[in-house]
């Protein structure tokens, strides 16, 4: 990702608004959680990602096994409609 321009924001009642360009670039939506910390007199804000790599790996392997069942035989119309990796992480 290329470096974005620096933005000046104002603190109001202890809150700041993250500029729209940054929110859109990072995919930050209303209600998302962020992590914030201070390091060497700088405020660092990052997305709070709750990804368990072992759980992710397990679900990928399960999904691949399901797909392998259909590789040997040409799937019938509609058989693959229920397969979606995105559904695993909703």
Foldseek 3Di string as FASTA:
>chain_A
DDDDDDDDWDQDPNDTDDDPVVCVVVVPDPPFDWDWDADPNDIDIGGDDDDDVVVVVVLVVVLVVVVVVCVVDPDDPPPCVPRDSVVVPD
